[in-house]
């Protein structure tokens, strides 16, 4: 591995950072909104599945009582 001087390293970092394409404010807001919607949908799905499993287990355990 070739050794790079600190000055050359900083120049390379700046060069690579200039290639970064940052999202617009609208893209960031839309993406953030979609993340919140998907988190809500996933939590509701798992809540319903958990409630269903809980119901079934209670019914099975009630048979033995």
PDB file of N, CA and C in Angstrom:
ATOM      1  N   UNK A   1       0.849  -1.167   0.000  1.00  0.00           N
ATOM      2  CA  UNK A   1       0.000   0.000   0.000  1.00  0.00           C
ATOM      3  C   UNK A   1       0.897   1.232   0.000  1.00  0.00           C
ATOM      4  N   UNK A   2       0.621   2.149  -0.929  1.00  0.00           N
ATOM      5  CA  UNK A   2       1.435   3.351  -1.042  1.00  0.00           C
ATOM      6  C   UNK A   2       1.111   4.318   0.087  1.00  0.00           C
ATOM      7  N   UNK A   3       2.162   4.953   0.591  1.00  0.00           N
ATOM      8  CA  UNK A   3       1.953   5.937   1.653  1.00  0.00           C
ATOM      9  C   UNK A   3       1.520   7.253   1.026  1.00  0.00           C
ATOM     10  N   UNK A   4       0.550   7.903   1.668  1.00  0.00           N
ATOM     11  CA  UNK A   4       0.019   9.162   1.162  1.00  0.00           C
ATOM     12  C   UNK A   4       0.276  10.231   2.210  1.00  0.00           C
ATOM     13  N   UNK A   5       0.746  11.358   1.769  1.00  0.00           N
ATOM     14  CA  UNK A   5       0.986  12.453   2.712  1.00  0.00           C
ATOM     15  C   UNK A   5      -0.357  13.012   3.181  1.00  0.00           C
ATOM     16  N   UNK A   6      -0.365  13.643   4.357  1.00  0.00           N
ATOM     17  CA  UNK A   6      -1.621  14.219   4.856  1.00  0.00           C
ATOM     18  C   UNK A   6      -2.239  15.233   3.891  1.00  0.00           C
ATOM     19  N   UNK A   7      -1.426  16.032   3.232  1.00  0.00           N
ATOM     20  CA  UNK A   7      -1.935  17.008   2.269  1.00  0.00           C
ATOM     21  C   UNK A   7      -2.610  16.336   1.084  1.00  0.00           C
ATOM     22  N   UNK A   8      -1.986  15.273   0.570  1.00  0.00           N
ATOM     23  CA  UNK A   8      -2.566  14.539  -0.559  1.00  0.00           C
ATOM     24  C   UNK A   8      -3.857  13.858  -0.132  1.00  0.00           C
ATOM     25  N   UNK A   9      -3.865  13.341   1.090  1.00  0.00           N
ATOM     26  CA  UNK A   9      -5.079  12.700   1.590  1.00  0.00           C
ATOM     27  C   UNK A   9      -6.234  13.701   1.646  1.00  0.00           C
ATOM     28  N   UNK A  10      -5.990  14.891   2.162  1.00  0.00           N
ATOM     29  CA  UNK A  10      -7.034  15.927   2.245  1.00  0.00           C
ATOM     30  C   UNK A  10      -7.523  16.292   0.846  1.00  0.00           C
ATOM     31  N   UNK A  11      -6.589  16.430  -0.116  1.00  0.00           N
ATOM     32  CA  UNK A  11      -6.999  16.734  -1.500  1.00  0.00           C
ATOM     33  C   UNK A  11      -7.880  15.630  -2.073  1.00  0.00           C
ATOM     34  N   UNK A  12      -7.529  14.374  -1.809  1.00  0.00           N
ATOM     35  CA  UNK A  12      -8.325  13.252  -2.305  1.00  0.00           C
ATOM     36  C   UNK A  12      -9.709  13.235  -1.660  1.00  0.00           C
ATOM     37  N   UNK A  13      -9.760  13.526  -0.369  1.00  0.00           N
ATOM     38  CA  UNK A  13     -11.055  13.554   0.315  1.00  0.00           C
ATOM     39  C   UNK A  13     -11.933  14.648  -0.267  1.00  0.00           C
ATOM     40  N   UNK A  14     -11.373  15.828  -0.474  1.00  0.00           N
ATOM     41  CA  UNK A  14     -12.158  16.931  -1.054  1.00  0.00           C
ATOM     42  C   UNK A  14     -12.627  16.591  -2.462  1.00  0.00           C
ATOM     43  N   UNK A  15     -11.761  15.940  -3.238  1.00  0.00           N
ATOM     44  CA  UNK A  15     -12.123  15.549  -4.603  1.00  0.00           C
ATOM     45  C   UNK A  15     -13.289  14.557  -4.587  1.00  0.00           C
ATOM     46  N   UNK A  16     -13.228  13.562  -3.711  1.00  0.00           N
ATOM     47  CA  UNK A  16     -14.310  12.576  -3.616  1.00  0.00           C
ATOM     48  C   UNK A  16     -15.584  13.212  -3.072  1.00  0.00           C
ATOM     49  N   UNK A  17     -15.452  14.112  -2.100  1.00  0.00           N
ATOM     50  CA  UNK A  17     -16.634  14.765  -1.521  1.00  0.00           C
ATOM     51  C   UNK A  17     -17.340  15.640  -2.550  1.00  0.00           C
ATOM     52  N   UNK A  18     -16.587  16.193  -3.492  1.00  0.00           N
ATOM     53  CA  UNK A  18     -17.221  17.024  -4.521  1.00  0.00           C
ATOM     54  C   UNK A  18     -18.060  16.187  -5.485  1.00  0.00           C
ATOM     55  N   UNK A  19     -17.844  14.866  -5.525  1.00  0.00           N
ATOM     56  CA  UNK A  19     -18.610  13.987  -6.407  1.00  0.00           C
ATOM     57  C   UNK A  19     -19.946  13.562  -5.798  1.00  0.00           C
ATOM     58  N   UNK A  20     -20.127  13.837  -4.509  1.00  0.00           N
ATOM     59  CA  UNK A  20     -21.343  13.403  -3.815  1.00  0.00           C
ATOM     60  C   UNK A  20     -22.530  14.207  -4.318  1.00  0.00           C
ATOM     61  N   UNK A  21     -23.618  13.516  -4.606  1.00  0.00           N
ATOM     62  CA  UNK A  21     -24.855  14.178  -5.003  1.00  0.00           C
ATOM     63  C   UNK A  21     -25.807  14.137  -3.817  1.00  0.00           C
ATOM     64  N   UNK A  22     -26.093  15.297  -3.242  1.00  0.00           N
ATOM     65  CA  UNK A  22     -26.949  15.372  -2.072  1.00  0.00           C
ATOM     66  C   UNK A  22     -28.407  15.421  -2.486  1.00  0.00           C
ATOM     67  N   UNK A  23     -29.304  14.783  -1.732  1.00  0.00           N
ATOM     68  CA  UNK A  23     -30.734  14.831  -2.078  1.00  0.00           C
ATOM     69  C   UNK A  23     -31.295  16.224  -1.816  1.00  0.00           C
ATOM     70  N   UNK A  24     -32.343  16.539  -2.552  1.00  0.00           N
ATOM     71  CA  UNK A  24     -32.995  17.825  -2.339  1.00  0.00           C
ATOM     72  C   UNK A  24     -33.823  17.764  -1.058  1.00  0.00           C
ATOM     73  N   UNK A  25     -34.288  18.909  -0.606  1.00  0.00           N
ATOM     74  CA  UNK A  25     -35.111  18.968   0.602  1.00  0.00           C
ATOM     75  C   UNK A  25     -36.393  18.154   0.407  1.00  0.00           C
ATOM     76  N   UNK A  26     -36.990  18.257  -0.783  1.00  0.00           N
ATOM     77  CA  UNK A  26     -38.227  17.531  -1.060  1.00  0.00           C
ATOM     78  C   UNK A  26     -37.983  16.017  -1.037  1.00  0.00           C
ATOM     79  N   UNK A  27     -36.891  15.564  -1.657  1.00  0.00           N
ATOM     80  CA  UNK A  27     -36.561  14.129  -1.655  1.00  0.00           C
ATOM     81  C   UNK A  27     -36.360  13.619  -0.236  1.00  0.00           C
ATOM     82  N   UNK A  28     -35.697  14.426   0.594  1.00  0.00           N
ATOM     83  CA  UNK A  28     -35.464  14.024   1.974  1.00  0.00           C
ATOM     84  C   UNK A  28     -36.771  13.917   2.742  1.00  0.00           C
ATOM     85  N   UNK A  29     -37.673  14.885   2.566  1.00  0.00           N
ATOM     86  CA  UNK A  29     -38.954  14.853   3.267  1.00  0.00           C
ATOM     87  C   UNK A  29     -39.817  13.686   2.810  1.00  0.00           C
ATOM     88  N   UNK A  30     -39.852  13.425   1.512  1.00  0.00           N
ATOM     89  CA  UNK A  30     -40.654  12.313   0.989  1.00  0.00           C
ATOM     90  C   UNK A  30     -40.103  10.983   1.500  1.00  0.00           C
ATOM     91  N   UNK A  31     -38.796  10.822   1.462  1.00  0.00           N
ATOM     92  CA  UNK A  31     -38.184   9.583   1.934  1.00  0.00           C
ATOM     93  C   UNK A  31     -38.432   9.384   3.429  1.00  0.00           C
ATOM     94  N   UNK A  32     -38.299  10.454   4.210  1.00  0.00           N
ATOM     95  CA  UNK A  32     -38.545  10.364   5.644  1.00  0.00           C
ATOM     96  C   UNK A  32     -40.004   9.993   5.916  1.00  0.00           C
ATOM     97  N   UNK A  33     -40.925  10.606   5.182  1.00  0.00           N
ATOM     98  CA  UNK A  33     -42.341  10.283   5.333  1.00  0.00           C
ATOM     99  C   UNK A  33     -42.629   8.823   5.023  1.00  0.00           C
ATOM    100  N   UNK A  34     -42.006   8.313   3.967  1.00  0.00           N
ATOM    101  CA  UNK A  34     -42.213   6.912   3.598  1.00  0.00           C
ATOM    102  C   UNK A  34     -41.652   5.970   4.667  1.00  0.00           C
ATOM    103  N   UNK A  35     -40.553   6.342   5.274  1.00  0.00           N
ATOM    104  CA  UNK A  35     -39.992   5.513   6.346  1.00  0.00           C
ATOM    105  C   UNK A  35     -40.975   5.446   7.507  1.00  0.00           C
ATOM    106  N   UNK A  36     -41.548   6.587   7.903  1.00  0.00           N
ATOM    107  CA  UNK A  36     -42.519   6.591   8.995  1.00  0.00           C
ATOM    108  C   UNK A  36     -43.754   5.758   8.657  1.00  0.00           C
ATOM    109  N   UNK A  37     -44.233   5.861   7.423  1.00  0.00           N
ATOM    110  CA  UNK A  37     -45.403   5.081   7.006  1.00  0.00           C
ATOM    111  C   UNK A  37     -45.088   3.584   7.058  1.00  0.00           C
ATOM    112  N   UNK A  38     -43.930   3.177   6.548  1.00  0.00           N
ATOM    113  CA  UNK A  38     -43.575   1.763   6.547  1.00  0.00           C
ATOM    114  C   UNK A  38     -43.362   1.235   7.966  1.00  0.00           C
ATOM    115  N   UNK A  39     -42.794   2.050   8.847  1.00  0.00           N
ATOM    116  CA  UNK A  39     -42.623   1.629  10.243  1.00  0.00           C
ATOM    117  C   UNK A  39     -43.979   1.424  10.891  1.00  0.00           C
ATOM    118  N   UNK A  40     -44.919   2.336  10.632  1.00  0.00           N
ATOM    119  CA  UNK A  40     -46.267   2.206  11.186  1.00  0.00           C
ATOM    120  C   UNK A  40     -46.949   0.945  10.665  1.00  0.00           C
ATOM    121  N   UNK A  41     -46.866   0.705   9.353  1.00  0.00           N
ATOM    122  CA  UNK A  41     -47.499  -0.481   8.774  1.00  0.00           C
ATOM    123  C   UNK A  41     -46.876  -1.770   9.315  1.00  0.00           C
ATOM    124  N   UNK A  42     -45.567  -1.796   9.436  1.00  0.00           N
ATOM    125  CA  UNK A  42     -44.907  -2.990   9.969  1.00  0.00           C
ATOM    126  C   UNK A  42     -45.298  -3.219  11.418  1.00  0.00           C
ATOM    127  N   UNK A  43     -45.378  -2.149  12.208  1.00  0.00           N
ATOM    128  CA  UNK A  43     -45.748  -2.323  13.617  1.00  0.00           C
ATOM    129  C   UNK A  43     -47.189  -2.806  13.743  1.00  0.00           C
ATOM    130  N   UNK A  44     -48.080  -2.322  12.913  1.00  0.00           N
ATOM    131  CA  UNK A  44     -49.468  -2.786  12.955  1.00  0.00           C
ATOM    132  C   UNK A  44     -49.553  -4.255  12.535  1.00  0.00           C
ATOM    133  N   UNK A  45     -48.797  -4.635  11.522  1.00  0.00           N
ATOM    134  CA  UNK A  45     -48.786  -6.024  11.075  1.00  0.00           C
ATOM    135  C   UNK A  45     -48.340  -6.945  12.210  1.00  0.00           C
ATOM    136  N   UNK A  46     -47.218  -6.612  12.835  1.00  0.00           N
ATOM    137  CA  UNK A  46     -46.705  -7.471  13.906  1.00  0.00           C
ATOM    138  C   UNK A  46     -47.614  -7.457  15.128  1.00  0.00           C
ATOM    139  N   UNK A  47     -48.284  -6.338  15.400  1.00  0.00           N
ATOM    140  CA  UNK A  47     -49.237  -6.287  16.495  1.00  0.00           C
ATOM    141  C   UNK A  47     -50.393  -7.249  16.235  1.00  0.00           C
ATOM    142  N   UNK A  48     -50.915  -7.234  15.007  1.00  0.00           N
ATOM    143  CA  UNK A  48     -52.031  -8.112  14.666  1.00  0.00           C
ATOM    144  C   UNK A  48     -51.615  -9.585  14.686  1.00  0.00           C
ATOM    145  N   UNK A  49     -50.454  -9.893  14.157  1.00  0.00           N
ATOM    146  CA  UNK A  49     -49.969 -11.274  14.179  1.00  0.00           C
ATOM    147  C   UNK A  49     -49.770 -11.735  15.619  1.00  0.00           C
ATOM    148  N   UNK A  50     -49.170 -10.883  16.448  1.00  0.00           N
ATOM    149  CA  UNK A  50     -48.943 -11.235  17.844  1.00  0.00           C
ATOM    150  C   UNK A  50     -50.263 -11.438  18.581  1.00  0.00           C
ATOM    151  N   UNK A  51     -51.237 -10.584  18.302  1.00  0.00           N
ATOM    152  CA  UNK A  51     -52.549 -10.734  18.938  1.00  0.00           C
ATOM    153  C   UNK A  51     -53.224 -12.040  18.513  1.00  0.00           C
ATOM    154  N   UNK A  52     -53.095 -12.386  17.245  1.00  0.00           N
ATOM    155  CA  UNK A  52     -53.668 -13.633  16.750  1.00  0.00           C
ATOM    156  C   UNK A  52     -53.020 -14.850  17.393  1.00  0.00           C
ATOM    157  N   UNK A  53     -51.698 -14.835  17.488  1.00  0.00           N
ATOM    158  CA  UNK A  53     -51.002 -15.952  18.123  1.00  0.00           C
ATOM    159  C   UNK A  53     -51.380 -16.037  19.594  1.00  0.00           C
ATOM    160  N   UNK A  54     -51.486 -14.902  20.258  1.00  0.00           N
ATOM    161  CA  UNK A  54     -51.872 -14.888  21.670  1.00  0.00           C
ATOM    162  C   UNK A  54     -53.267 -15.488  21.860  1.00  0.00           C
ATOM    163  N   UNK A  55     -54.193 -15.148  20.978  1.00  0.00           N
ATOM    164  CA  UNK A  55     -55.548 -15.678  21.054  1.00  0.00           C
ATOM    165  C   UNK A  55     -55.553 -17.197  20.897  1.00  0.00           C
ATOM    166  N   UNK A  56     -54.810 -17.673  19.906  1.00  0.00           N
ATOM    167  CA  UNK A  56     -54.755 -19.112  19.644  1.00  0.00           C
ATOM    168  C   UNK A  56     -54.134 -19.852  20.837  1.00  0.00           C
ATOM    169  N   UNK A  57     -53.067 -19.330  21.389  1.00  0.00           N
ATOM    170  CA  UNK A  57     -52.418 -19.978  22.526  1.00  0.00           C
ATOM    171  C   UNK A  57     -53.353 -20.003  23.725  1.00  0.00           C
ATOM    172  N   UNK A  58     -54.076 -18.917  23.973  1.00  0.00           N
ATOM    173  CA  UNK A  58     -55.014 -18.888  25.097  1.00  0.00           C
ATOM    174  C   UNK A  58     -56.127 -19.910  24.907  1.00  0.00           C
ATOM    175  N   UNK A  59     -56.589 -20.070  23.684  1.00  0.00           N
ATOM    176  CA  UNK A  59     -57.632 -21.048  23.393  1.00  0.00           C
ATOM    177  C   UNK A  59     -57.111 -22.469  23.632  1.00  0.00           C
ATOM    178  N   UNK A  60     -55.890 -22.733  23.219  1.00  0.00           N
ATOM    179  CA  UNK A  60     -55.320 -24.066  23.421  1.00  0.00           C
ATOM    180  C   UNK A  60     -55.122 -24.337  24.902  1.00  0.00           C
ATOM    181  N   UNK A  61     -54.629 -23.356  25.645  1.00  0.00           N
ATOM    182  CA  UNK A  61     -54.421 -23.547  27.076  1.00  0.00           C
ATOM    183  C   UNK A  61     -55.738 -23.659  27.838  1.00  0.00           C
ATOM    184  N   UNK A  62     -56.796 -23.043  27.340  1.00  0.00           N
ATOM    185  CA  UNK A  62     -58.100 -23.119  27.982  1.00  0.00           C
ATOM    186  C   UNK A  62     -58.682 -24.517  27.841  1.00  0.00           C
ATOM    187  N   UNK A  63     -58.287 -25.258  26.837  1.00  0.00           N
ATOM    188  CA  UNK A  63     -58.793 -26.629  26.658  1.00  0.00           C
ATOM    189  C   UNK A  63     -58.326 -27.521  27.791  1.00  0.00           C
ATOM    190  N   UNK A  64     -57.170 -27.265  28.333  1.00  0.00           N
ATOM    191  CA  UNK A  64     -56.632 -28.108  29.393  1.00  0.00           C
ATOM    192  C   UNK A  64     -57.116 -27.726  30.769  1.00  0.00           C
ATOM    193  N   UNK A  65     -57.772 -26.603  30.898  1.00  0.00           N
ATOM    194  CA  UNK A  65     -58.196 -26.153  32.229  1.00  0.00           C
ATOM    195  C   UNK A  65     -59.505 -26.778  32.669  1.00  0.00           C
TER     196      UNK A  65
END
